[in-house]
Amino acid sequence: MFARRLKVEVVSDGERRPCPLEWLDSFAMRRFTGDAAFDDTLPRAEGVLEAGFRVNRERLAAEMSGWLTKKKGAGRPVEIHISEAETPQP
């Protein structure tokens, strides 16, 4: 459905792990930024987000980090790293 597949990871104690699907769903459903670009995101699996070309990875990571720090951080910052994931060829 979307043109890009993004790999979303939570960085904790120097280690990266896939961002939980529940967290991706919560962020995607929140639509708190008022930025239509974030409407072009769709959580697909743990650590996987599909997105349109209007979505800026760095800005999305910053917005997700800030929101998840408030909602899931338990007093600690939540660092998010987003990269382009390899998409399987048909």
C-alpha atoms as a PDB file:
ATOM      1  CA  MET A   1       0.000   0.000   0.000  1.00  0.00           C
ATOM      2  CA  PHE A   2       2.796   2.448   0.894  1.00  0.00           C
ATOM      3  CA  ALA A   3       5.974   3.020  -1.073  1.00  0.00           C
ATOM      4  CA  ARG A   4       8.494   2.588   1.736  1.00  0.00           C
ATOM      5  CA  ARG A   5       9.097   0.116   4.518  1.00  0.00           C
ATOM      6  CA  LEU A   6      10.822   1.536   7.587  1.00  0.00           C
ATOM      7  CA  LYS A   7      12.642  -0.317  10.334  1.00  0.00           C
ATOM      8  CA  VAL A   8      11.847   1.240  13.731  1.00  0.00           C
ATOM      9  CA  GLU A   9      14.099   0.404  16.664  1.00  0.00           C
ATOM     10  CA  VAL A  10      14.175   1.394  20.319  1.00  0.00           C
ATOM     11  CA  VAL A  11      17.677   2.125  21.603  1.00  0.00           C
ATOM     12  CA  SER A  12      18.161   1.193  25.262  1.00  0.00           C
ATOM     13  CA  ASP A  13      21.427   0.754  27.152  1.00  0.00           C
ATOM     14  CA  GLY A  14      23.314   0.861  23.857  1.00  0.00           C
ATOM     15  CA  GLU A  15      21.288  -1.975  22.323  1.00  0.00           C
ATOM     16  CA  ARG A  16      18.679  -1.772  19.588  1.00  0.00           C
ATOM     17  CA  ARG A  17      15.528  -3.838  19.531  1.00  0.00           C
ATOM     18  CA  PRO A  18      12.430  -3.667  17.332  1.00  0.00           C
ATOM     19  CA  CYS A  19       9.876  -1.138  18.503  1.00  0.00           C
ATOM     20  CA  PRO A  20       6.861  -2.984  19.937  1.00  0.00           C
ATOM     21  CA  LEU A  21       3.858  -3.034  17.610  1.00  0.00           C
ATOM     22  CA  GLU A  22       1.687  -1.715  20.450  1.00  0.00           C
ATOM     23  CA  TRP A  23       3.872   1.413  20.629  1.00  0.00           C
ATOM     24  CA  LEU A  24       3.756   1.912  16.841  1.00  0.00           C
ATOM     25  CA  ASP A  25      -0.023   1.509  16.870  1.00  0.00           C
ATOM     26  CA  SER A  26      -0.412   3.987  19.736  1.00  0.00           C
ATOM     27  CA  PHE A  27       1.709   6.589  17.988  1.00  0.00           C
ATOM     28  CA  ALA A  28       0.030   6.119  14.612  1.00  0.00           C
ATOM     29  CA  MET A  29      -3.453   6.383  16.081  1.00  0.00           C
ATOM     30  CA  ARG A  30      -2.633   9.485  18.120  1.00  0.00           C
ATOM     31  CA  ARG A  31      -2.140  11.884  15.165  1.00  0.00           C
ATOM     32  CA  PHE A  32      -1.066  14.568  17.595  1.00  0.00           C
ATOM     33  CA  THR A  33       1.245  16.563  15.335  1.00  0.00           C
ATOM     34  CA  GLY A  34      -1.338  18.011  12.988  1.00  0.00           C
ATOM     35  CA  ASP A  35       1.095  17.157  10.173  1.00  0.00           C
ATOM     36  CA  ALA A  36      -0.617  15.346   7.307  1.00  0.00           C
ATOM     37  CA  ALA A  37       2.666  13.616   6.413  1.00  0.00           C
ATOM     38  CA  PHE A  38       2.246  11.363   9.436  1.00  0.00           C
ATOM     39  CA  ASP A  39      -1.088  10.202   8.025  1.00  0.00           C
ATOM     40  CA  ASP A  40       1.089   8.349   5.500  1.00  0.00           C
ATOM     41  CA  THR A  41       2.248   5.775   8.050  1.00  0.00           C
ATOM     42  CA  LEU A  42       0.930   2.311   8.775  1.00  0.00           C
ATOM     43  CA  PRO A  43       2.293  -0.045  11.463  1.00  0.00           C
ATOM     44  CA  ARG A  44       2.739  -3.523   9.944  1.00  0.00           C
ATOM     45  CA  ALA A  45       4.612  -5.583  12.536  1.00  0.00           C
ATOM     46  CA  GLU A  46       6.958  -5.237  15.476  1.00  0.00           C
ATOM     47  CA  GLY A  47       9.638  -2.800  14.322  1.00  0.00           C
ATOM     48  CA  VAL A  48       8.063  -2.306  10.869  1.00  0.00           C
ATOM     49  CA  LEU A  49       6.242   0.762   9.618  1.00  0.00           C
ATOM     50  CA  GLU A  50       5.127   1.403   6.055  1.00  0.00           C
ATOM     51  CA  ALA A  51       5.223   5.020   4.935  1.00  0.00           C
ATOM     52  CA  GLY A  52       4.761   7.356   2.002  1.00  0.00           C
ATOM     53  CA  PHE A  53       7.500   9.522   0.524  1.00  0.00           C
ATOM     54  CA  ARG A  54       6.292  12.637   2.386  1.00  0.00           C
ATOM     55  CA  VAL A  55       7.409  11.145   5.711  1.00  0.00           C
ATOM     56  CA  ASN A  56      10.796  12.430   6.874  1.00  0.00           C
ATOM     57  CA  ARG A  57      12.517   9.654   8.856  1.00  0.00           C
ATOM     58  CA  GLU A  58      14.522  11.951  11.123  1.00  0.00           C
ATOM     59  CA  ARG A  59      11.503  14.071  12.016  1.00  0.00           C
ATOM     60  CA  LEU A  60       9.368  10.978  12.560  1.00  0.00           C
ATOM     61  CA  ALA A  61      12.017   9.504  14.888  1.00  0.00           C
ATOM     62  CA  ALA A  62      12.170  12.751  16.884  1.00  0.00           C
ATOM     63  CA  GLU A  63       8.364  12.973  17.179  1.00  0.00           C
ATOM     64  CA  MET A  64       8.086   9.318  18.178  1.00  0.00           C
ATOM     65  CA  SER A  65      10.919   9.638  20.722  1.00  0.00           C
ATOM     66  CA  GLY A  66       9.272  12.625  22.383  1.00  0.00           C
ATOM     67  CA  TRP A  67       5.823  11.064  22.511  1.00  0.00           C
ATOM     68  CA  LEU A  68       7.014   7.638  23.649  1.00  0.00           C
ATOM     69  CA  THR A  69       9.211   9.211  26.331  1.00  0.00           C
ATOM     70  CA  LYS A  70       6.082  10.816  27.806  1.00  0.00           C
ATOM     71  CA  LYS A  71       3.851   7.744  27.436  1.00  0.00           C
ATOM     72  CA  LYS A  72       6.143   4.726  27.841  1.00  0.00           C
ATOM     73  CA  GLY A  73       9.442   6.005  29.229  1.00  0.00           C
ATOM     74  CA  ALA A  74       8.722   5.611  32.955  1.00  0.00           C
ATOM     75  CA  GLY A  75      10.899   8.638  33.663  1.00  0.00           C
ATOM     76  CA  ARG A  76      13.616   7.714  31.157  1.00  0.00           C
ATOM     77  CA  PRO A  77      14.029   9.013  27.616  1.00  0.00           C
ATOM     78  CA  VAL A  78      12.999   6.673  24.795  1.00  0.00           C
ATOM     79  CA  GLU A  79      15.365   6.889  21.834  1.00  0.00           C
ATOM     80  CA  ILE A  80      14.013   5.800  18.447  1.00  0.00           C
ATOM     81  CA  HIS A  81      16.118   4.980  15.385  1.00  0.00           C
ATOM     82  CA  ILE A  82      14.442   4.693  11.983  1.00  0.00           C
ATOM     83  CA  SER A  83      16.077   3.358   8.825  1.00  0.00           C
ATOM     84  CA  GLU A  84      14.916   2.182   5.435  1.00  0.00           C
ATOM     85  CA  ALA A  85      14.194  -1.534   5.524  1.00  0.00           C
ATOM     86  CA  GLU A  86      14.880  -3.820   2.640  1.00  0.00           C
ATOM     87  CA  THR A  87      11.728  -4.600   0.747  1.00  0.00           C
ATOM     88  CA  PRO A  88      11.396  -8.054  -0.764  1.00  0.00           C
ATOM     89  CA  GLN A  89      11.443  -8.148  -4.536  1.00  0.00           C
ATOM     90  CA  PRO A  90       8.443  -9.780  -6.256  1.00  0.00           C
END
